[in-house]
Amino acid sequence: HFFNHEYNLSDEEIKRFHKLGGVIGLILSRRWLVDPEKRHKTDRHGGIADIVENMLYIRDMVGDVSCIGIGTDFDGLTDPFKDCATPDKLWNMIDYMGKYFTDDEIDQIMYRNGERALEKGWT
């Protein structure tokens, strides 16, 4: 929806993930979340607002947050968010998410959805 790139899912693919109980790991890089033209015109020195905008779009489309996860890619990410570039900065994103999501939704997004998918995959 925000950036047509082969790595990004279409709305139909997102709905399919949701229906099947899967989890989409949103990456902490504006490179994949934001169209390059917009990215270079809006030098926000961050990206938390962009990822939360994607989360809200998905929640509004499918009706809940059960398919949303975080794929930090801290092990090899290039061009990470300036406001969330290392694991100890994830609190910046969690605090921002609190403006739009309940504590339960935040827990689901940050770890419970991934945990559920992993447990389901091994049972």
PDB file of N, CA and C in Angstrom:
ATOM      1  N   HIS A   1       0.818  -1.193   0.000  1.00  0.00           N
ATOM      2  CA  HIS A   1       0.000   0.000   0.000  1.00  0.00           C
ATOM      3  C   HIS A   1       0.866   1.264   0.000  1.00  0.00           C
ATOM      4  N   PHE A   2       1.905   1.278   0.806  1.00  0.00           N
ATOM      5  CA  PHE A   2       2.729   2.477   0.941  1.00  0.00           C
ATOM      6  C   PHE A   2       3.883   2.519  -0.044  1.00  0.00           C
ATOM      7  N   PHE A   3       4.333   1.343  -0.487  1.00  0.00           N
ATOM      8  CA  PHE A   3       5.498   1.290  -1.359  1.00  0.00           C
ATOM      9  C   PHE A   3       5.450  -0.023  -2.132  1.00  0.00           C
ATOM     10  N   ASN A   4       5.306   0.073  -3.450  1.00  0.00           N
ATOM     11  CA  ASN A   4       5.222  -1.096  -4.308  1.00  0.00           C
ATOM     12  C   ASN A   4       6.629  -1.644  -4.546  1.00  0.00           C
ATOM     13  N   HIS A   5       6.964  -2.683  -3.812  1.00  0.00           N
ATOM     14  CA  HIS A   5       8.274  -3.313  -3.920  1.00  0.00           C
ATOM     15  C   HIS A   5       8.071  -4.818  -3.794  1.00  0.00           C
ATOM     16  N   GLU A   6       8.883  -5.591  -4.486  1.00  0.00           N
ATOM     17  CA  GLU A   6       8.717  -7.042  -4.493  1.00  0.00           C
ATOM     18  C   GLU A   6       8.785  -7.664  -3.095  1.00  0.00           C
ATOM     19  N   TYR A   7       9.456  -7.048  -2.154  1.00  0.00           N
ATOM     20  CA  TYR A   7       9.540  -7.576  -0.788  1.00  0.00           C
ATOM     21  C   TYR A   7       8.287  -7.295   0.029  1.00  0.00           C
ATOM     22  N   ASN A   8       7.507  -6.310  -0.399  1.00  0.00           N
ATOM     23  CA  ASN A   8       6.328  -5.913   0.358  1.00  0.00           C
ATOM     24  C   ASN A   8       5.108  -6.692  -0.109  1.00  0.00           C
ATOM     25  N   LEU A   9       4.220  -6.948   0.836  1.00  0.00           N
ATOM     26  CA  LEU A   9       3.019  -7.726   0.551  1.00  0.00           C
ATOM     27  C   LEU A   9       1.902  -6.849   0.012  1.00  0.00           C
ATOM     28  N   SER A  10       1.099  -7.424  -0.849  1.00  0.00           N
ATOM     29  CA  SER A  10      -0.103  -6.746  -1.318  1.00  0.00           C
ATOM     30  C   SER A  10      -1.179  -6.865  -0.243  1.00  0.00           C
ATOM     31  N   ASP A  11      -2.237  -6.076  -0.379  1.00  0.00           N
ATOM     32  CA  ASP A  11      -3.345  -6.169   0.571  1.00  0.00           C
ATOM     33  C   ASP A  11      -3.919  -7.579   0.588  1.00  0.00           C
ATOM     34  N   GLU A  12      -4.035  -8.204  -0.559  1.00  0.00           N
ATOM     35  CA  GLU A  12      -4.578  -9.570  -0.619  1.00  0.00           C
ATOM     36  C   GLU A  12      -3.661 -10.560   0.097  1.00  0.00           C
ATOM     37  N   GLU A  13      -2.362 -10.392  -0.044  1.00  0.00           N
ATOM     38  CA  GLU A  13      -1.425 -11.273   0.656  1.00  0.00           C
ATOM     39  C   GLU A  13      -1.512 -11.065   2.170  1.00  0.00           C
ATOM     40  N   ILE A  14      -1.662  -9.825   2.596  1.00  0.00           N
ATOM     41  CA  ILE A  14      -1.809  -9.543   4.027  1.00  0.00           C
ATOM     42  C   ILE A  14      -3.067 -10.218   4.560  1.00  0.00           C
ATOM     43  N   LYS A  15      -4.166 -10.107   3.826  1.00  0.00           N
ATOM     44  CA  LYS A  15      -5.419 -10.750   4.253  1.00  0.00           C
ATOM     45  C   LYS A  15      -5.255 -12.264   4.328  1.00  0.00           C
ATOM     46  N   ARG A  16      -4.494 -12.827   3.416  1.00  0.00           N
ATOM     47  CA  ARG A  16      -4.246 -14.280   3.416  1.00  0.00           C
ATOM     48  C   ARG A  16      -3.415 -14.692   4.632  1.00  0.00           C
ATOM     49  N   PHE A  17      -2.359 -13.936   4.937  1.00  0.00           N
ATOM     50  CA  PHE A  17      -1.566 -14.202   6.142  1.00  0.00           C
ATOM     51  C   PHE A  17      -2.479 -14.205   7.366  1.00  0.00           C
ATOM     52  N   HIS A  18      -3.326 -13.193   7.443  1.00  0.00           N
ATOM     53  CA  HIS A  18      -4.240 -13.070   8.572  1.00  0.00           C
ATOM     54  C   HIS A  18      -5.162 -14.278   8.665  1.00  0.00           C
ATOM     55  N   LYS A  19      -5.753 -14.636   7.561  1.00  0.00           N
ATOM     56  CA  LYS A  19      -6.693 -15.760   7.538  1.00  0.00           C
ATOM     57  C   LYS A  19      -6.015 -17.068   7.958  1.00  0.00           C
ATOM     58  N   LEU A  20      -4.772 -17.255   7.563  1.00  0.00           N
ATOM     59  CA  LEU A  20      -4.045 -18.496   7.866  1.00  0.00           C
ATOM     60  C   LEU A  20      -3.367 -18.480   9.234  1.00  0.00           C
ATOM     61  N   GLY A  21      -3.448 -17.362   9.944  1.00  0.00           N
ATOM     62  CA  GLY A  21      -2.836 -17.277  11.271  1.00  0.00           C
ATOM     63  C   GLY A  21      -1.357 -16.982  11.248  1.00  0.00           C
ATOM     64  N   GLY A  22      -0.872 -16.491  10.130  1.00  0.00           N
ATOM     65  CA  GLY A  22       0.545 -16.164  10.019  1.00  0.00           C
ATOM     66  C   GLY A  22       0.877 -14.810  10.615  1.00  0.00           C
ATOM     67  N   VAL A  23       2.161 -14.523  10.635  1.00  0.00           N
ATOM     68  CA  VAL A  23       2.649 -13.254  11.193  1.00  0.00           C
ATOM     69  C   VAL A  23       3.574 -12.593  10.179  1.00  0.00           C
ATOM     70  N   ILE A  24       3.363 -11.319   9.962  1.00  0.00           N
ATOM     71  CA  ILE A  24       4.174 -10.516   9.050  1.00  0.00           C
ATOM     72  C   ILE A  24       5.153  -9.708   9.898  1.00  0.00           C
ATOM     73  N   GLY A  25       6.433  -9.901   9.673  1.00  0.00           N
ATOM     74  CA  GLY A  25       7.442  -9.166  10.417  1.00  0.00           C
ATOM     75  C   GLY A  25       7.777  -7.862   9.718  1.00  0.00           C
ATOM     76  N   LEU A  26       7.288  -6.767  10.253  1.00  0.00           N
ATOM     77  CA  LEU A  26       7.582  -5.449   9.678  1.00  0.00           C
ATOM     78  C   LEU A  26       9.014  -5.062  10.034  1.00  0.00           C
ATOM     79  N   ILE A  27       9.755  -4.661   9.043  1.00  0.00           N
ATOM     80  CA  ILE A  27      11.182  -4.370   9.213  1.00  0.00           C
ATOM     81  C   ILE A  27      11.397  -2.936   9.674  1.00  0.00           C
ATOM     82  N   LEU A  28      12.419  -2.736  10.467  1.00  0.00           N
ATOM     83  CA  LEU A  28      12.734  -1.410  10.994  1.00  0.00           C
ATOM     84  C   LEU A  28      13.668  -0.658  10.055  1.00  0.00           C
ATOM     85  N   SER A  29      13.214  -0.489   8.824  1.00  0.00           N
ATOM     86  CA  SER A  29      13.991   0.252   7.842  1.00  0.00           C
ATOM     87  C   SER A  29      13.036   0.984   6.914  1.00  0.00           C
ATOM     88  N   ARG A  30      13.231   2.280   6.779  1.00  0.00           N
ATOM     89  CA  ARG A  30      12.396   3.062   5.870  1.00  0.00           C
ATOM     90  C   ARG A  30      12.625   2.626   4.430  1.00  0.00           C
ATOM     91  N   ARG A  31      13.750   1.977   4.161  1.00  0.00           N
ATOM     92  CA  ARG A  31      14.065   1.521   2.809  1.00  0.00           C
ATOM     93  C   ARG A  31      12.949   0.628   2.249  1.00  0.00           C
ATOM     94  N   TRP A  32      12.341  -0.171   3.090  1.00  0.00           N
ATOM     95  CA  TRP A  32      11.307  -1.090   2.613  1.00  0.00           C
ATOM     96  C   TRP A  32       9.892  -0.607   2.934  1.00  0.00           C
ATOM     97  N   LEU A  33       9.764   0.333   3.859  1.00  0.00           N
ATOM     98  CA  LEU A  33       8.439   0.772   4.287  1.00  0.00           C
ATOM     99  C   LEU A  33       7.905   1.983   3.542  1.00  0.00           C
ATOM    100  N   VAL A  34       8.799   2.790   2.974  1.00  0.00           N
ATOM    101  CA  VAL A  34       8.398   4.086   2.420  1.00  0.00           C
ATOM    102  C   VAL A  34       8.929   4.226   0.998  1.00  0.00           C
ATOM    103  N   ASP A  35       8.088   4.714   0.120  1.00  0.00           N
ATOM    104  CA  ASP A  35       8.481   4.977  -1.256  1.00  0.00           C
ATOM    105  C   ASP A  35       9.736   5.862  -1.263  1.00  0.00           C
ATOM    106  N   PRO A  36      10.717   5.545  -2.115  1.00  0.00           N
ATOM    107  CA  PRO A  36      11.973   6.307  -2.118  1.00  0.00           C
ATOM    108  C   PRO A  36      11.795   7.811  -2.295  1.00  0.00           C
ATOM    109  N   GLU A  37      10.874   8.218  -3.132  1.00  0.00           N
ATOM    110  CA  GLU A  37      10.664   9.649  -3.347  1.00  0.00           C
ATOM    111  C   GLU A  37      10.216  10.326  -2.057  1.00  0.00           C
ATOM    112  N   LYS A  38       9.259   9.723  -1.381  1.00  0.00           N
ATOM    113  CA  LYS A  38       8.792  10.271  -0.103  1.00  0.00           C
ATOM    114  C   LYS A  38       9.904  10.195   0.938  1.00  0.00           C
ATOM    115  N   ARG A  39      10.624   9.079   0.950  1.00  0.00           N
ATOM    116  CA  ARG A  39      11.683   8.866   1.936  1.00  0.00           C
ATOM    117  C   ARG A  39      12.725   9.975   1.873  1.00  0.00           C
ATOM    118  N   HIS A  40      13.124  10.354   0.672  1.00  0.00           N
ATOM    119  CA  HIS A  40      14.166  11.356   0.531  1.00  0.00           C
ATOM    120  C   HIS A  40      13.648  12.784   0.690  1.00  0.00           C
ATOM    121  N   LYS A  41      12.364  12.980   0.520  1.00  0.00           N
ATOM    122  CA  LYS A  41      11.783  14.312   0.717  1.00  0.00           C
ATOM    123  C   LYS A  41      11.457  14.572   2.187  1.00  0.00           C
ATOM    124  N   THR A  42      11.287  13.495   2.955  1.00  0.00           N
ATOM    125  CA  THR A  42      10.920  13.632   4.364  1.00  0.00           C
ATOM    126  C   THR A  42      12.044  13.100   5.222  1.00  0.00           C
ATOM    127  N   ASP A  43      13.041  13.870   5.415  1.00  0.00           N
ATOM    128  CA  ASP A  43      14.196  13.479   6.208  1.00  0.00           C
ATOM    129  C   ASP A  43      13.842  13.616   7.686  1.00  0.00           C
ATOM    130  N   ARG A  44      13.114  12.624   8.206  1.00  0.00           N
ATOM    131  CA  ARG A  44      12.626  12.699   9.577  1.00  0.00           C
ATOM    132  C   ARG A  44      13.625  12.181  10.606  1.00  0.00           C
ATOM    133  N   HIS A  45      14.722  11.655  10.142  1.00  0.00           N
ATOM    134  CA  HIS A  45      15.725  11.097  11.049  1.00  0.00           C
ATOM    135  C   HIS A  45      15.132  10.002  11.921  1.00  0.00           C
ATOM    136  N   GLY A  46      14.209   9.297  11.417  1.00  0.00           N
ATOM    137  CA  GLY A  46      13.598   8.214  12.162  1.00  0.00           C
ATOM    138  C   GLY A  46      12.745   7.360  11.263  1.00  0.00           C
ATOM    139  N   GLY A  47      11.939   6.568  11.842  1.00  0.00           N
ATOM    140  CA  GLY A  47      11.072   5.708  11.061  1.00  0.00           C
ATOM    141  C   GLY A  47       9.954   5.096  11.873  1.00  0.00           C
ATOM    142  N   ILE A  48       9.964   5.365  13.176  1.00  0.00           N
ATOM    143  CA  ILE A  48       8.940   4.772  14.029  1.00  0.00           C
ATOM    144  C   ILE A  48       7.546   5.157  13.547  1.00  0.00           C
ATOM    145  N   ALA A  49       7.337   6.404  13.179  1.00  0.00           N
ATOM    146  CA  ALA A  49       6.023   6.823  12.693  1.00  0.00           C
ATOM    147  C   ALA A  49       5.624   6.049  11.441  1.00  0.00           C
ATOM    148  N   ASP A  50       6.594   5.726  10.589  1.00  0.00           N
ATOM    149  CA  ASP A  50       6.304   4.981   9.364  1.00  0.00           C
ATOM    150  C   ASP A  50       5.852   3.553   9.669  1.00  0.00           C
ATOM    151  N   ILE A  51       6.551   2.880  10.577  1.00  0.00           N
ATOM    152  CA  ILE A  51       6.184   1.500  10.867  1.00  0.00           C
ATOM    153  C   ILE A  51       4.830   1.442  11.584  1.00  0.00           C
ATOM    154  N   VAL A  52       4.579   2.400  12.452  1.00  0.00           N
ATOM    155  CA  VAL A  52       3.279   2.433  13.138  1.00  0.00           C
ATOM    156  C   VAL A  52       2.167   2.724  12.140  1.00  0.00           C
ATOM    157  N   GLU A  53       2.424   3.572  11.168  1.00  0.00           N
ATOM    158  CA  GLU A  53       1.435   3.838  10.113  1.00  0.00           C
ATOM    159  C   GLU A  53       1.109   2.534   9.364  1.00  0.00           C
ATOM    160  N   ASN A  54       2.122   1.711   9.094  1.00  0.00           N
ATOM    161  CA  ASN A  54       1.894   0.420   8.455  1.00  0.00           C
ATOM    162  C   ASN A  54       1.091  -0.507   9.361  1.00  0.00           C
ATOM    163  N   MET A  55       1.408  -0.535  10.643  1.00  0.00           N
ATOM    164  CA  MET A  55       0.662  -1.363  11.594  1.00  0.00           C
ATOM    165  C   MET A  55      -0.817  -0.967  11.625  1.00  0.00           C
ATOM    166  N   LEU A  56      -1.067   0.326  11.682  1.00  0.00           N
ATOM    167  CA  LEU A  56      -2.446   0.816  11.725  1.00  0.00           C
ATOM    168  C   LEU A  56      -3.194   0.449  10.450  1.00  0.00           C
ATOM    169  N   TYR A  57      -2.525   0.563   9.319  1.00  0.00           N
ATOM    170  CA  TYR A  57      -3.146   0.194   8.053  1.00  0.00           C
ATOM    171  C   TYR A  57      -3.555  -1.277   8.061  1.00  0.00           C
ATOM    172  N   ILE A  58      -2.660  -2.144   8.515  1.00  0.00           N
ATOM    173  CA  ILE A  58      -2.945  -3.578   8.557  1.00  0.00           C
ATOM    174  C   ILE A  58      -4.079  -3.852   9.535  1.00  0.00           C
ATOM    175  N   ARG A  59      -4.014  -3.278  10.734  1.00  0.00           N
ATOM    176  CA  ARG A  59      -5.072  -3.501  11.725  1.00  0.00           C
ATOM    177  C   ARG A  59      -6.425  -3.053  11.182  1.00  0.00           C
ATOM    178  N   ASP A  60      -6.468  -1.885  10.551  1.00  0.00           N
ATOM    179  CA  ASP A  60      -7.736  -1.393  10.012  1.00  0.00           C
ATOM    180  C   ASP A  60      -8.255  -2.298   8.896  1.00  0.00           C
ATOM    181  N   MET A  61      -7.347  -2.851   8.105  1.00  0.00           N
ATOM    182  CA  MET A  61      -7.766  -3.697   6.983  1.00  0.00           C
ATOM    183  C   MET A  61      -8.296  -5.050   7.449  1.00  0.00           C
ATOM    184  N   VAL A  62      -7.610  -5.694   8.404  1.00  0.00           N
ATOM    185  CA  VAL A  62      -8.000  -7.058   8.787  1.00  0.00           C
ATOM    186  C   VAL A  62      -8.817  -7.103  10.067  1.00  0.00           C
ATOM    187  N   GLY A  63      -8.843  -6.007  10.831  1.00  0.00           N
ATOM    188  CA  GLY A  63      -9.698  -5.948  12.004  1.00  0.00           C
ATOM    189  C   GLY A  63      -9.023  -6.218  13.339  1.00  0.00           C
ATOM    190  N   ASP A  64      -7.768  -6.640  13.334  1.00  0.00           N
ATOM    191  CA  ASP A  64      -7.036  -6.852  14.580  1.00  0.00           C
ATOM    192  C   ASP A  64      -5.539  -6.861  14.284  1.00  0.00           C
ATOM    193  N   VAL A  65      -4.732  -7.122  15.309  1.00  0.00           N
ATOM    194  CA  VAL A  65      -3.276  -7.077  15.136  1.00  0.00           C
ATOM    195  C   VAL A  65      -2.643  -8.465  15.118  1.00  0.00           C
ATOM    196  N   SER A  66      -3.446  -9.499  14.972  1.00  0.00           N
ATOM    197  CA  SER A  66      -2.940 -10.866  15.130  1.00  0.00           C
ATOM    198  C   SER A  66      -1.914 -11.292  14.088  1.00  0.00           C
ATOM    199  N   CYS A  67      -1.814 -10.598  12.972  1.00  0.00           N
ATOM    200  CA  CYS A  67      -0.829 -10.976  11.946  1.00  0.00           C
ATOM    201  C   CYS A  67       0.352 -10.006  11.887  1.00  0.00           C
ATOM    202  N   ILE A  68       0.432  -9.086  12.829  1.00  0.00           N
ATOM    203  CA  ILE A  68       1.504  -8.089  12.811  1.00  0.00           C
ATOM    204  C   ILE A  68       2.601  -8.497  13.778  1.00  0.00           C
ATOM    205  N   GLY A  69       3.823  -8.466  13.290  1.00  0.00           N
ATOM    206  CA  GLY A  69       4.987  -8.720  14.126  1.00  0.00           C
ATOM    207  C   GLY A  69       6.096  -7.759  13.754  1.00  0.00           C
ATOM    208  N   ILE A  70       7.202  -7.888  14.447  1.00  0.00           N
ATOM    209  CA  ILE A  70       8.365  -7.042  14.188  1.00  0.00           C
ATOM    210  C   ILE A  70       9.492  -7.940  13.704  1.00  0.00           C
ATOM    211  N   GLY A  71      10.064  -7.575  12.568  1.00  0.00           N
ATOM    212  CA  GLY A  71      11.246  -8.256  12.054  1.00  0.00           C
ATOM    213  C   GLY A  71      12.385  -7.253  12.086  1.00  0.00           C
ATOM    214  N   THR A  72      13.021  -7.106  13.233  1.00  0.00           N
ATOM    215  CA  THR A  72      13.999  -6.021  13.407  1.00  0.00           C
ATOM    216  C   THR A  72      15.142  -6.106  12.417  1.00  0.00           C
ATOM    217  N   ASP A  73      15.610  -7.294  12.127  1.00  0.00           N
ATOM    218  CA  ASP A  73      16.767  -7.501  11.255  1.00  0.00           C
ATOM    219  C   ASP A  73      17.993  -6.774  11.784  1.00  0.00           C
ATOM    220  N   PHE A  74      18.093  -6.684  13.114  1.00  0.00           N
ATOM    221  CA  PHE A  74      19.249  -6.023  13.715  1.00  0.00           C
ATOM    222  C   PHE A  74      20.556  -6.753  13.403  1.00  0.00           C
ATOM    223  N   ASP A  75      20.457  -7.999  12.953  1.00  0.00           N
ATOM    224  CA  ASP A  75      21.677  -8.756  12.668  1.00  0.00           C
ATOM    225  C   ASP A  75      22.310  -8.394  11.331  1.00  0.00           C
ATOM    226  N   GLY A  76      21.650  -7.608  10.504  1.00  0.00           N
ATOM    227  CA  GLY A  76      22.241  -7.267   9.221  1.00  0.00           C
ATOM    228  C   GLY A  76      21.552  -6.130   8.506  1.00  0.00           C
ATOM    229  N   LEU A  77      20.706  -5.454   9.220  1.00  0.00           N
ATOM    230  CA  LEU A  77      19.917  -4.365   8.654  1.00  0.00           C
ATOM    231  C   LEU A  77      20.806  -3.232   8.158  1.00  0.00           C
ATOM    232  N   THR A  78      20.474  -2.756   7.002  1.00  0.00           N
ATOM    233  CA  THR A  78      21.140  -1.552   6.518  1.00  0.00           C
ATOM    234  C   THR A  78      20.163  -0.398   6.644  1.00  0.00           C
ATOM    235  N   ASP A  79      20.665   0.738   6.975  1.00  0.00           N
ATOM    236  CA  ASP A  79      19.858   1.947   7.097  1.00  0.00           C
ATOM    237  C   ASP A  79      18.729   1.803   8.120  1.00  0.00           C
ATOM    238  N   PRO A  80      19.062   1.406   9.362  1.00  0.00           N
ATOM    239  CA  PRO A  80      18.000   1.271  10.367  1.00  0.00           C
ATOM    240  C   PRO A  80      17.422   2.624  10.753  1.00  0.00           C
ATOM    241  N   PHE A  81      16.251   2.593  11.378  1.00  0.00           N
ATOM    242  CA  PHE A  81      15.647   3.823  11.887  1.00  0.00           C
ATOM    243  C   PHE A  81      16.638   4.512  12.805  1.00  0.00           C
ATOM    244  N   LYS A  82      16.761   5.795  12.676  1.00  0.00           N
ATOM    245  CA  LYS A  82      17.646   6.554  13.567  1.00  0.00           C
ATOM    246  C   LYS A  82      17.085   6.574  14.990  1.00  0.00           C
ATOM    247  N   ASP A  83      15.755   6.507  15.117  1.00  0.00           N
ATOM    248  CA  ASP A  83      15.127   6.547  16.436  1.00  0.00           C
ATOM    249  C   ASP A  83      14.891   5.157  17.024  1.00  0.00           C
ATOM    250  N   CYS A  84      15.390   4.132  16.340  1.00  0.00           N
ATOM    251  CA  CYS A  84      15.259   2.759  16.847  1.00  0.00           C
ATOM    252  C   CYS A  84      16.293   1.872  16.149  1.00  0.00           C
ATOM    253  N   ALA A  85      17.558   2.233  16.280  1.00  0.00           N
ATOM    254  CA  ALA A  85      18.627   1.577  15.532  1.00  0.00           C
ATOM    255  C   ALA A  85      19.234   0.372  16.237  1.00  0.00           C
ATOM    256  N   THR A  86      18.944   0.206  17.529  1.00  0.00           N
ATOM    257  CA  THR A  86      19.494  -0.901  18.301  1.00  0.00           C
ATOM    258  C   THR A  86      18.415  -1.461  19.221  1.00  0.00           C
ATOM    259  N   PRO A  87      18.571  -2.699  19.680  1.00  0.00           N
ATOM    260  CA  PRO A  87      17.536  -3.304  20.525  1.00  0.00           C
ATOM    261  C   PRO A  87      17.160  -2.479  21.754  1.00  0.00           C
ATOM    262  N   ASP A  88      18.115  -1.799  22.351  1.00  0.00           N
ATOM    263  CA  ASP A  88      17.800  -1.014  23.541  1.00  0.00           C
ATOM    264  C   ASP A  88      16.926   0.209  23.225  1.00  0.00           C
ATOM    265  N   LYS A  89      16.741   0.515  21.946  1.00  0.00           N
ATOM    266  CA  LYS A  89      15.900   1.638  21.533  1.00  0.00           C
ATOM    267  C   LYS A  89      14.478   1.206  21.166  1.00  0.00           C
ATOM    268  N   LEU A  90      14.165  -0.090  21.269  1.00  0.00           N
ATOM    269  CA  LEU A  90      12.814  -0.556  20.958  1.00  0.00           C
ATOM    270  C   LEU A  90      11.765   0.111  21.843  1.00  0.00           C
ATOM    271  N   TRP A  91      12.184   0.554  23.020  1.00  0.00           N
ATOM    272  CA  TRP A  91      11.241   1.262  23.896  1.00  0.00           C
ATOM    273  C   TRP A  91      10.707   2.524  23.239  1.00  0.00           C
ATOM    274  N   ASN A  92      11.501   3.160  22.391  1.00  0.00           N
ATOM    275  CA  ASN A  92      11.018   4.343  21.667  1.00  0.00           C
ATOM    276  C   ASN A  92       9.802   3.986  20.822  1.00  0.00           C
ATOM    277  N   MET A  93       9.871   2.833  20.146  1.00  0.00           N
ATOM    278  CA  MET A  93       8.760   2.402  19.309  1.00  0.00           C
ATOM    279  C   MET A  93       7.564   1.995  20.161  1.00  0.00           C
ATOM    280  N   ILE A  94       7.818   1.270  21.238  1.00  0.00           N
ATOM    281  CA  ILE A  94       6.728   0.839  22.121  1.00  0.00           C
ATOM    282  C   ILE A  94       6.007   2.044  22.707  1.00  0.00           C
ATOM    283  N   ASP A  95       6.755   3.039  23.141  1.00  0.00           N
ATOM    284  CA  ASP A  95       6.134   4.253  23.681  1.00  0.00           C
ATOM    285  C   ASP A  95       5.261   4.939  22.630  1.00  0.00           C
ATOM    286  N   TYR A  96       5.752   5.031  21.406  1.00  0.00           N
ATOM    287  CA  TYR A  96       4.985   5.661  20.327  1.00  0.00           C
ATOM    288  C   TYR A  96       3.743   4.837  19.992  1.00  0.00           C
ATOM    289  N   MET A  97       3.881   3.524  19.998  1.00  0.00           N
ATOM    290  CA  MET A  97       2.747   2.651  19.715  1.00  0.00           C
ATOM    291  C   MET A  97       1.621   2.850  20.727  1.00  0.00           C
ATOM    292  N   GLY A  98       1.980   3.227  21.961  1.00  0.00           N
ATOM    293  CA  GLY A  98       0.982   3.429  23.009  1.00  0.00           C
ATOM    294  C   GLY A  98      -0.036   4.503  22.683  1.00  0.00           C
ATOM    295  N   LYS A  99       0.261   5.365  21.722  1.00  0.00           N
ATOM    296  CA  LYS A  99      -0.698   6.386  21.297  1.00  0.00           C
ATOM    297  C   LYS A  99      -1.853   5.794  20.499  1.00  0.00           C
ATOM    298  N   TYR A 100      -1.629   4.608  19.907  1.00  0.00           N
ATOM    299  CA  TYR A 100      -2.585   4.048  18.954  1.00  0.00           C
ATOM    300  C   TYR A 100      -3.058   2.627  19.287  1.00  0.00           C
ATOM    301  N   PHE A 101      -2.313   1.947  20.144  1.00  0.00           N
ATOM    302  CA  PHE A 101      -2.608   0.549  20.442  1.00  0.00           C
ATOM    303  C   PHE A 101      -2.758   0.350  21.945  1.00  0.00           C
ATOM    304  N   THR A 102      -3.568  -0.638  22.310  1.00  0.00           N
ATOM    305  CA  THR A 102      -3.696  -0.996  23.721  1.00  0.00           C
ATOM    306  C   THR A 102      -2.438  -1.750  24.150  1.00  0.00           C
ATOM    307  N   ASP A 103      -2.263  -1.896  25.455  1.00  0.00           N
ATOM    308  CA  ASP A 103      -1.120  -2.665  25.959  1.00  0.00           C
ATOM    309  C   ASP A 103      -1.161  -4.094  25.439  1.00  0.00           C
ATOM    310  N   ASP A 104      -2.354  -4.684  25.377  1.00  0.00           N
ATOM    311  CA  ASP A 104      -2.489  -6.048  24.869  1.00  0.00           C
ATOM    312  C   ASP A 104      -2.090  -6.124  23.394  1.00  0.00           C
ATOM    313  N   GLU A 105      -2.512  -5.159  22.595  1.00  0.00           N
ATOM    314  CA  GLU A 105      -2.132  -5.149  21.184  1.00  0.00           C
ATOM    315  C   GLU A 105      -0.615  -5.001  21.027  1.00  0.00           C
ATOM    316  N   ILE A 106      -0.016  -4.162  21.841  1.00  0.00           N
ATOM    317  CA  ILE A 106       1.440  -3.986  21.778  1.00  0.00           C
ATOM    318  C   ILE A 106       2.148  -5.290  22.114  1.00  0.00           C
ATOM    319  N   ASP A 107       1.690  -5.968  23.157  1.00  0.00           N
ATOM    320  CA  ASP A 107       2.286  -7.263  23.512  1.00  0.00           C
ATOM    321  C   ASP A 107       2.141  -8.265  22.369  1.00  0.00           C
ATOM    322  N   GLN A 108       0.982  -8.272  21.736  1.00  0.00           N
ATOM    323  CA  GLN A 108       0.783  -9.182  20.598  1.00  0.00           C
ATOM    324  C   GLN A 108       1.785  -8.881  19.489  1.00  0.00           C
ATOM    325  N   ILE A 109       1.905  -7.624  19.137  1.00  0.00           N
ATOM    326  CA  ILE A 109       2.790  -7.227  18.038  1.00  0.00           C
ATOM    327  C   ILE A 109       4.253  -7.497  18.386  1.00  0.00           C
ATOM    328  N   MET A 110       4.657  -7.150  19.588  1.00  0.00           N
ATOM    329  CA  MET A 110       6.067  -7.231  19.951  1.00  0.00           C
ATOM    330  C   MET A 110       6.562  -8.658  20.176  1.00  0.00           C
ATOM    331  N   TYR A 111       5.680  -9.566  20.655  1.00  0.00           N
ATOM    332  CA  TYR A 111       6.182 -10.923  20.878  1.00  0.00           C
ATOM    333  C   TYR A 111       5.136 -12.033  20.821  1.00  0.00           C
ATOM    334  N   ARG A 112       3.913 -11.794  21.256  1.00  0.00           N
ATOM    335  CA  ARG A 112       2.966 -12.905  21.360  1.00  0.00           C
ATOM    336  C   ARG A 112       2.558 -13.488  20.013  1.00  0.00           C
ATOM    337  N   ASN A 113       2.404 -12.664  18.990  1.00  0.00           N
ATOM    338  CA  ASN A 113       2.042 -13.197  17.672  1.00  0.00           C
ATOM    339  C   ASN A 113       3.143 -14.111  17.141  1.00  0.00           C
ATOM    340  N   GLY A 114       4.379 -13.676  17.259  1.00  0.00           N
ATOM    341  CA  GLY A 114       5.500 -14.505  16.817  1.00  0.00           C
ATOM    342  C   GLY A 114       5.604 -15.780  17.622  1.00  0.00           C
ATOM    343  N   GLU A 115       5.430 -15.665  18.921  1.00  0.00           N
ATOM    344  CA  GLU A 115       5.471 -16.832  19.800  1.00  0.00           C
ATOM    345  C   GLU A 115       4.377 -17.834  19.402  1.00  0.00           C
ATOM    346  N   ARG A 116       3.171 -17.332  19.154  1.00  0.00           N
ATOM    347  CA  ARG A 116       2.050 -18.188  18.753  1.00  0.00           C
ATOM    348  C   ARG A 116       2.354 -18.908  17.443  1.00  0.00           C
ATOM    349  N   ALA A 117       2.863 -18.178  16.475  1.00  0.00           N
ATOM    350  CA  ALA A 117       3.154 -18.779  15.171  1.00  0.00           C
ATOM    351  C   ALA A 117       4.235 -19.855  15.294  1.00  0.00           C
ATOM    352  N   LEU A 118       5.254 -19.588  16.101  1.00  0.00           N
ATOM    353  CA  LEU A 118       6.298 -20.583  16.295  1.00  0.00           C
ATOM    354  C   LEU A 118       5.767 -21.828  17.007  1.00  0.00           C
ATOM    355  N   GLU A 119       4.978 -21.639  18.050  1.00  0.00           N
ATOM    356  CA  GLU A 119       4.405 -22.785  18.764  1.00  0.00           C
ATOM    357  C   GLU A 119       3.489 -23.594  17.856  1.00  0.00           C
ATOM    358  N   LYS A 120       2.661 -22.911  17.092  1.00  0.00           N
ATOM    359  CA  LYS A 120       1.742 -23.594  16.179  1.00  0.00           C
ATOM    360  C   LYS A 120       2.501 -24.365  15.111  1.00  0.00           C
ATOM    361  N   GLY A 121       3.626 -23.818  14.671  1.00  0.00           N
ATOM    362  CA  GLY A 121       4.428 -24.467  13.639  1.00  0.00           C
ATOM    363  C   GLY A 121       5.099 -25.738  14.099  1.00  0.00           C
ATOM    364  N   TRP A 122       5.319 -25.888  15.402  1.00  0.00           N
ATOM    365  CA  TRP A 122       5.986 -27.068  15.925  1.00  0.00           C
ATOM    366  C   TRP A 122       5.056 -28.058  16.592  1.00  0.00           C
ATOM    367  N   THR A 123       3.746 -27.786  16.537  1.00  0.00           N
ATOM    368  CA  THR A 123       2.807 -28.736  17.153  1.00  0.00           C
ATOM    369  C   THR A 123       2.012 -29.460  16.107  1.00  0.00           C
TER     370      THR A 123
END
